[in-house]
Amino acid sequence: MEKRNHPLKQSKDITLNSLKTGRIIAEHRQLYVINDGEEHFLGEVSGKFLFKTKRPADFPKVGDYVRFLRPDADSRAIIQKLVPRNTVISRKVAGDKTAEQILAVNVDAVFIVMALDDDYSVRRLERYLTLIWDSGARPVVVLNKSDICDDAEDRRLEVEAVAFGVPVCIISALSETGMDCLWEGIRKGETICLLGSSGVGKSTIINRLLGEDRQAVREVRSADAKGRHTTTRRELFSLSSGAYLIDTPGLREVQLWSADEGMAAGFPEIEDLAAGCFFADCGHTSEKGCAVIEALENGRLSRDRYDSYHKIQREQFYLKEKQETAGKMNRKRRFKEISKEIRKHFKEPR
């Protein structure tokens, strides 16, 4: 009897022309739900992909476009490679570990959702804005739960003072007021992502945009206005408008992974002032001829904005040091592994 190889075993026959393209719409541990424009099906990464990929951030994420093989309609797709990402929104993982966590990929706009209760924080918003500007996506600020806030317009003014030129929507997803503002920020064919803390109403907003209750909703604790994680995984939804929506689990903290580009867009008034400093490498702390310090002293720059700017700068400085140290340790460990394999090879009897 003639022995037949499984189609996916014939790696030498895999060419770019034989691969299909699909998008990851959900992730379940090491399994992925893929949509190829016609149907949903399960997929997994190939052995070669698994062997070559070292960082968790380089594995497929919801929103990724992938190239895959699928022998027949009853088989799982085998993911061969990722299509290069247009945008990547990531943060440092919570805690002391120095690692990157991908929050969303290939998104065009991000709705930063804050509730107008104890969740409201301008300083946290600055971090979200810096993170999003650094990714290349455009931010939209959504102030939810206006039905329980008596000074919503004052909060809008506070937000506009730090979110220069960014649309600000004041809504109540519960009573469905102000939702037209959100629709104005959703364009056909684009992918929108929602970011925010637990309990701010992201799931309720998604249900309103979808026109049906697809996401579970939980009540916020009345004692401290804190929410529980209703959304436990990332998932991509299709809207009737032709746009796509990614829901994400609530974030308890926002530690930036990279902010080189985001700082300029997140703190434009400080960047503009810095152009007038006497020293090109001015640190804006105590240097002679510092235009930023001068603006702080004469009241043109608020102390809160100045302190927030420097806090993020310090965090980035220490994070880069940790990243460099971790990189050196990884290279050293890899060199030891290679050296061990070489010694083992030459000790083997011939």
Protein backbone atom coordinates (compact mmCIF):
# COMPACT_ATOMS: atom_id res chain seq x y z
CA MET A 1 0.00 0.00 0.00
CA GLU A 2 1.30 3.43 -0.95
CA LYS A 3 2.14 5.60 2.06
CA ARG A 4 0.66 9.09 1.85
CA ASN A 5 2.01 12.02 3.81
CA HIS A 6 -0.31 14.46 5.55
CA PRO A 7 -0.45 17.69 3.47
CA LEU A 8 0.94 19.73 6.37
CA LYS A 9 3.92 17.41 6.70
CA GLN A 10 5.14 18.38 3.26
CA SER A 11 6.75 21.62 4.41
CA LYS A 12 8.85 21.83 1.27
CA ASP A 13 5.63 22.31 -0.73
CA ILE A 14 4.44 25.22 1.40
CA THR A 15 4.70 28.41 -0.62
CA LEU A 16 3.31 31.89 -0.17
CA ASN A 17 0.75 31.15 -2.88
CA SER A 18 -0.62 28.17 -0.95
CA LEU A 19 -1.23 30.21 2.22
CA LYS A 20 -4.55 31.88 2.97
CA THR A 21 -5.10 35.03 5.03
CA GLY A 22 -7.47 35.35 7.98
CA ARG A 23 -7.94 37.41 11.10
CA ILE A 24 -7.81 36.31 14.74
CA ILE A 25 -11.15 37.13 16.36
CA ALA A 26 -10.70 35.24 19.65
CA GLU A 27 -8.03 33.38 21.57
CA HIS A 28 -8.41 30.35 23.84
CA ARG A 29 -5.05 29.53 25.40
CA GLN A 30 -3.13 28.00 22.45
CA LEU A 31 -6.13 27.82 20.13
CA TYR A 32 -7.33 30.68 17.96
CA VAL A 33 -10.64 31.45 16.27
CA ILE A 34 -9.89 32.66 12.73
CA ASN A 35 -12.18 34.36 10.23
CA ASP A 36 -11.23 34.25 6.55
CA GLY A 37 -14.04 36.54 5.40
CA GLU A 38 -16.50 33.69 4.96
CA GLU A 39 -16.48 31.55 8.11
CA HIS A 40 -15.03 31.03 11.58
CA PHE A 41 -12.80 28.06 12.42
CA LEU A 42 -10.17 26.99 14.91
CA GLY A 43 -6.45 27.26 14.30
CA GLU A 44 -3.11 26.74 16.01
CA VAL A 45 0.45 27.82 15.33
CA SER A 46 2.74 25.49 13.41
CA GLY A 47 5.61 23.67 15.08
CA LYS A 48 8.09 25.85 13.22
CA PHE A 49 6.31 29.02 14.40
CA LEU A 50 6.34 27.69 17.97
CA PHE A 51 10.04 26.86 17.79
CA LYS A 52 11.12 30.19 16.31
CA THR A 53 8.97 32.47 18.47
CA LYS A 54 10.50 33.29 21.86
CA ARG A 55 8.48 36.25 23.15
CA PRO A 56 4.80 35.95 24.16
CA ALA A 57 4.21 39.31 22.43
CA ASP A 58 5.13 37.75 19.08
CA PHE A 59 2.39 35.11 19.17
CA PRO A 60 -0.94 35.84 17.44
CA LYS A 61 -3.27 38.24 19.23
CA VAL A 62 -6.90 39.19 18.67
CA GLY A 63 -6.91 41.56 15.69
CA ASP A 64 -3.86 40.00 14.05
CA TYR A 65 -3.93 38.96 10.40
CA VAL A 66 -2.29 35.57 9.88
CA ARG A 67 -1.22 33.40 6.98
CA PHE A 68 -2.34 29.81 7.38
CA LEU A 69 -2.86 26.42 5.78
CA ARG A 70 -6.08 24.42 6.07
CA PRO A 71 -6.23 21.06 4.25
CA ASP A 72 -10.02 20.72 4.39
CA ALA A 73 -13.16 22.07 6.06
CA ASP A 74 -12.91 19.61 8.95
CA SER A 75 -9.29 20.41 9.85
CA ARG A 76 -7.81 23.05 12.10
CA ALA A 77 -5.91 25.81 10.38
CA ILE A 78 -2.15 25.78 10.88
CA ILE A 79 -0.80 29.31 11.32
CA GLN A 80 2.51 29.76 9.52
CA LYS A 81 3.23 33.46 10.03
CA LEU A 82 1.88 36.82 11.18
CA VAL A 83 1.16 39.63 8.74
CA PRO A 84 3.16 42.68 9.94
CA ARG A 85 1.11 44.72 12.41
CA ASN A 86 0.02 48.26 11.57
CA THR A 87 -0.39 49.35 15.18
CA VAL A 88 0.54 47.74 18.49
CA ILE A 89 -0.81 48.92 21.84
CA SER A 90 1.19 47.43 24.69
CA ARG A 91 2.05 48.05 28.30
CA LYS A 92 4.50 46.69 30.82
CA VAL A 93 2.95 43.72 32.59
CA ALA A 94 1.58 44.46 36.04
CA GLY A 95 4.00 43.94 38.93
CA ASP A 96 7.79 43.83 38.99
CA LYS A 97 8.33 41.57 35.98
CA THR A 98 9.98 43.27 33.00
CA ALA A 99 7.92 42.05 30.05
CA GLU A 100 5.62 43.45 27.39
CA GLN A 101 1.89 42.74 27.34
CA ILE A 102 0.02 43.31 24.09
CA LEU A 103 -3.35 44.97 24.66
CA ALA A 104 -4.48 45.34 21.05
CA VAL A 105 -3.08 45.14 17.52
CA ASN A 106 -4.15 46.53 14.16
CA VAL A 107 -6.56 49.03 15.65
CA ASP A 108 -7.30 52.41 14.10
CA ALA A 109 -8.87 54.10 17.11
CA VAL A 110 -9.04 53.51 20.86
CA PHE A 111 -11.96 54.50 23.06
CA ILE A 112 -10.50 55.33 26.48
CA VAL A 113 -13.45 54.67 28.77
CA MET A 114 -13.56 56.34 32.20
CA ALA A 115 -16.55 56.37 34.51
CA LEU A 116 -17.66 59.64 36.08
CA ASP A 117 -17.43 58.19 39.58
CA ASP A 118 -14.39 57.22 41.67
CA ASP A 119 -12.75 55.79 38.54
CA TYR A 120 -12.25 59.27 37.06
CA SER A 121 -8.56 60.24 36.98
CA VAL A 122 -6.90 62.82 34.74
CA ARG A 123 -3.45 61.49 35.65
CA ARG A 124 -4.36 57.96 34.51
CA LEU A 125 -5.86 59.43 31.35
CA GLU A 126 -2.50 61.03 30.54
CA ARG A 127 -0.93 57.57 30.62
CA TYR A 128 -3.59 56.11 28.34
CA LEU A 129 -3.13 58.96 25.87
CA THR A 130 0.66 58.56 25.86
CA LEU A 131 0.31 54.82 25.33
CA ILE A 132 -2.12 55.24 22.42
CA TRP A 133 -0.27 58.08 20.69
CA ASP A 134 2.89 55.95 20.85
CA SER A 135 1.08 53.10 19.04
CA GLY A 136 0.00 55.22 16.08
CA ALA A 137 -3.73 54.81 16.74
CA ARG A 138 -6.02 57.78 17.42
CA PRO A 139 -7.62 58.19 20.87
CA VAL A 140 -11.20 59.10 21.76
CA VAL A 141 -12.06 59.82 25.40
CA VAL A 142 -15.38 58.39 26.60
CA LEU A 143 -16.74 59.64 29.94
CA ASN A 144 -19.42 57.15 30.91
CA LYS A 145 -22.12 57.19 33.62
CA SER A 146 -23.09 60.82 33.11
CA ASP A 147 -26.42 59.94 34.76
CA ILE A 148 -24.71 59.82 38.18
CA CYS A 149 -22.51 62.90 37.73
CA ASP A 150 -23.67 66.49 38.36
CA ASP A 151 -20.54 68.19 37.01
CA ALA A 152 -19.94 66.26 33.77
CA GLU A 153 -19.22 69.43 31.77
CA ASP A 154 -16.57 70.50 34.29
CA ARG A 155 -14.95 67.10 33.88
CA ARG A 156 -15.01 67.58 30.12
CA LEU A 157 -13.04 70.81 30.48
CA GLU A 158 -10.48 69.06 32.70
CA VAL A 159 -10.07 66.31 30.13
CA GLU A 160 -9.77 68.71 27.21
CA ALA A 161 -6.97 70.51 29.09
CA VAL A 162 -4.77 67.39 28.83
CA ALA A 163 -6.24 65.66 25.75
CA PHE A 164 -5.35 68.30 23.18
CA GLY A 165 -7.55 67.98 20.09
CA VAL A 166 -8.93 64.58 21.17
CA PRO A 167 -12.71 64.06 20.87
CA VAL A 168 -14.44 63.78 24.25
CA CYS A 169 -17.79 61.97 24.51
CA ILE A 170 -19.99 62.24 27.60
CA ILE A 171 -22.41 59.35 27.64
CA SER A 172 -24.57 57.11 29.77
CA ALA A 173 -24.46 53.64 28.24
CA LEU A 174 -27.10 52.53 30.73
CA SER A 175 -29.68 55.07 29.55
CA GLU A 176 -28.22 55.19 26.01
CA THR A 177 -27.69 58.96 26.05
CA GLY A 178 -24.82 60.50 24.10
CA MET A 179 -24.18 57.37 22.01
CA ASP A 180 -24.28 59.37 18.77
CA CYS A 181 -20.92 60.84 19.78
CA LEU A 182 -19.40 57.36 19.75
CA TRP A 183 -20.81 56.51 16.34
CA GLU A 184 -19.13 59.64 14.96
CA GLY A 185 -15.77 58.15 15.91
CA ILE A 186 -16.47 54.78 14.26
CA ARG A 187 -15.62 54.60 10.56
CA LYS A 188 -16.48 51.83 8.14
CA GLY A 189 -13.76 49.23 7.78
CA GLU A 190 -11.81 50.44 10.81
CA THR A 191 -11.11 48.54 14.02
CA ILE A 192 -11.94 50.15 17.34
CA CYS A 193 -10.62 49.02 20.73
CA LEU A 194 -12.04 49.83 24.17
CA LEU A 195 -9.61 50.33 27.07
CA GLY A 196 -10.39 51.17 30.67
CA SER A 197 -10.62 49.93 34.23
CA SER A 198 -13.00 47.24 35.41
CA GLY A 199 -16.52 48.48 36.03
CA VAL A 200 -16.41 51.54 33.77
CA GLY A 201 -19.11 50.12 31.47
CA LYS A 202 -17.14 48.81 28.48
CA SER A 203 -19.34 45.73 28.15
CA THR A 204 -22.51 47.82 28.31
CA ILE A 205 -21.15 50.15 25.63
CA ILE A 206 -20.35 47.20 23.37
CA ASN A 207 -23.85 45.79 23.86
CA ARG A 208 -25.33 49.15 22.85
CA LEU A 209 -23.15 49.36 19.74
CA LEU A 210 -23.97 45.78 18.77
CA GLY A 211 -27.66 46.30 19.40
CA GLU A 212 -27.90 43.17 21.53
CA ASP A 213 -26.68 41.83 24.88
CA ARG A 214 -23.61 39.86 23.82
CA GLN A 215 -21.31 40.79 26.71
CA ALA A 216 -22.02 39.95 30.34
CA VAL A 217 -22.52 42.94 32.64
CA ARG A 218 -21.91 43.08 36.38
CA GLU A 219 -22.84 45.67 38.96
CA VAL A 220 -20.14 47.90 40.45
CA ARG A 221 -19.59 47.61 44.20
CA SER A 222 -21.32 50.53 45.87
CA ALA A 223 -18.77 50.64 48.72
CA ASP A 224 -15.79 51.71 46.61
CA ALA A 225 -17.17 52.05 43.04
CA LYS A 226 -14.81 49.28 41.93
CA GLY A 227 -15.80 46.83 39.23
CA ARG A 228 -15.06 43.17 38.76
CA HIS A 229 -13.58 41.73 35.59
CA THR A 230 -16.63 41.03 33.44
CA THR A 231 -14.60 40.63 30.24
CA THR A 232 -11.96 37.95 30.81
CA ARG A 233 -10.61 37.69 27.27
CA ARG A 234 -10.16 39.81 24.17
CA GLU A 235 -12.65 39.33 21.39
CA LEU A 236 -13.36 40.99 18.04
CA PHE A 237 -16.93 41.83 17.01
CA SER A 238 -18.37 43.02 13.69
CA LEU A 239 -20.66 46.06 13.76
CA SER A 240 -23.53 46.68 11.37
CA SER A 241 -21.72 49.82 10.19
CA GLY A 242 -18.91 47.71 8.70
CA ALA A 243 -16.46 48.50 11.51
CA TYR A 244 -14.90 46.09 13.99
CA LEU A 245 -14.77 46.31 17.76
CA ILE A 246 -12.33 44.73 20.22
CA ASP A 247 -13.30 44.41 23.87
CA THR A 248 -10.53 43.99 26.43
CA PRO A 249 -10.38 42.98 30.12
CA GLY A 250 -10.25 45.86 32.61
CA LEU A 251 -6.82 47.26 33.48
CA ARG A 252 -5.91 47.85 37.12
CA GLU A 253 -2.78 49.82 36.26
CA VAL A 254 -1.17 51.42 33.22
CA GLN A 255 2.60 51.06 33.13
CA LEU A 256 4.02 52.18 29.80
CA TRP A 257 6.28 49.84 27.83
CA SER A 258 7.48 52.45 25.36
CA ALA A 259 6.69 56.15 25.21
CA ASP A 260 9.27 57.73 22.89
CA GLU A 261 6.70 59.00 20.40
CA GLY A 262 3.80 59.16 22.82
CA MET A 263 5.40 61.69 25.17
CA ALA A 264 5.60 64.35 22.48
CA ALA A 265 1.94 63.91 21.56
CA GLY A 266 0.77 63.37 25.13
CA PHE A 267 2.53 66.43 26.54
CA PRO A 268 2.73 68.81 23.55
CA GLU A 269 2.91 72.00 25.61
CA ILE A 270 6.02 70.76 27.42
CA GLU A 271 7.63 69.60 24.19
CA ASP A 272 6.97 73.05 22.67
CA LEU A 273 8.47 74.79 25.70
CA ALA A 274 11.51 72.49 25.60
CA ALA A 275 12.42 73.86 22.18
CA GLY A 276 13.30 77.13 23.92
CA CYS A 277 15.67 75.61 26.49
CA PHE A 278 19.28 76.83 26.46
CA PHE A 279 20.67 73.27 26.47
CA ALA A 280 19.55 70.82 23.79
CA ASP A 281 19.67 67.92 26.29
CA CYS A 282 17.96 69.84 29.08
CA GLY A 283 16.32 67.58 31.68
CA HIS A 284 13.89 70.32 32.79
CA THR A 285 14.77 69.96 36.47
CA SER A 286 17.26 72.61 37.57
CA GLU A 287 19.23 73.53 34.44
CA LYS A 288 20.09 77.15 33.70
CA GLY A 289 18.02 78.64 30.88
CA CYS A 290 15.28 75.96 31.06
CA ALA A 291 12.14 77.27 29.38
CA VAL A 292 10.02 74.56 31.00
CA ILE A 293 11.04 75.57 34.53
CA GLU A 294 10.46 79.22 33.64
CA ALA A 295 6.93 78.42 32.44
CA LEU A 296 6.30 76.45 35.64
CA GLU A 297 7.42 79.35 37.82
CA ASN A 298 5.34 81.99 36.02
CA GLY A 299 2.21 79.81 35.94
CA ARG A 300 2.06 79.05 32.21
CA LEU A 301 2.59 75.36 32.97
CA SER A 302 0.66 73.58 35.74
CA ARG A 303 2.51 71.76 38.48
CA ASP A 304 0.35 68.66 37.98
CA ARG A 305 1.29 68.37 34.31
CA TYR A 306 4.97 68.96 35.07
CA ASP A 307 5.03 66.33 37.83
CA SER A 308 3.15 63.80 35.70
CA TYR A 309 5.56 64.34 32.79
CA HIS A 310 8.61 63.75 34.98
CA LYS A 311 7.09 60.74 36.70
CA ILE A 312 6.54 58.99 33.36
CA GLN A 313 10.03 60.02 32.20
CA ARG A 314 11.60 58.51 35.33
CA GLU A 315 9.62 55.29 34.91
CA GLN A 316 10.75 55.04 31.29
CA PHE A 317 14.39 55.58 32.27
CA TYR A 318 14.35 52.78 34.86
CA LEU A 319 12.33 50.50 32.56
CA LYS A 320 14.87 50.87 29.74
CA GLU A 321 17.64 49.96 32.16
CA LYS A 322 15.70 46.83 33.14
CA GLN A 323 15.05 46.01 29.48
CA GLU A 324 18.76 46.30 28.67
CA THR A 325 19.69 44.13 31.67
CA ALA A 326 17.09 41.50 30.71
CA GLY A 327 18.36 41.55 27.10
CA LYS A 328 21.96 40.96 28.24
CA MET A 329 20.87 38.08 30.48
CA ASN A 330 18.91 36.48 27.64
CA ARG A 331 21.87 36.76 25.26
CA LYS A 332 24.19 35.32 27.91
CA ARG A 333 21.83 32.41 28.56
CA ARG A 334 21.48 31.76 24.83
CA PHE A 335 25.27 31.78 24.39
CA LYS A 336 25.61 29.20 27.18
CA GLU A 337 23.00 26.99 25.54
CA ILE A 338 24.79 27.15 22.17
CA SER A 339 28.18 26.47 23.80
CA LYS A 340 26.74 23.48 25.64
CA GLU A 341 25.34 22.05 22.39
CA ILE A 342 28.70 22.53 20.64
CA ARG A 343 30.62 20.76 23.42
CA LYS A 344 28.08 17.94 23.42
CA HIS A 345 28.44 17.57 19.65
CA PHE A 346 32.24 17.18 19.74
CA LYS A 347 32.13 14.75 22.69
CA GLU A 348 29.81 12.36 20.90
CA PRO A 349 31.66 9.27 19.55
CA ARG A 350 32.10 9.15 15.80
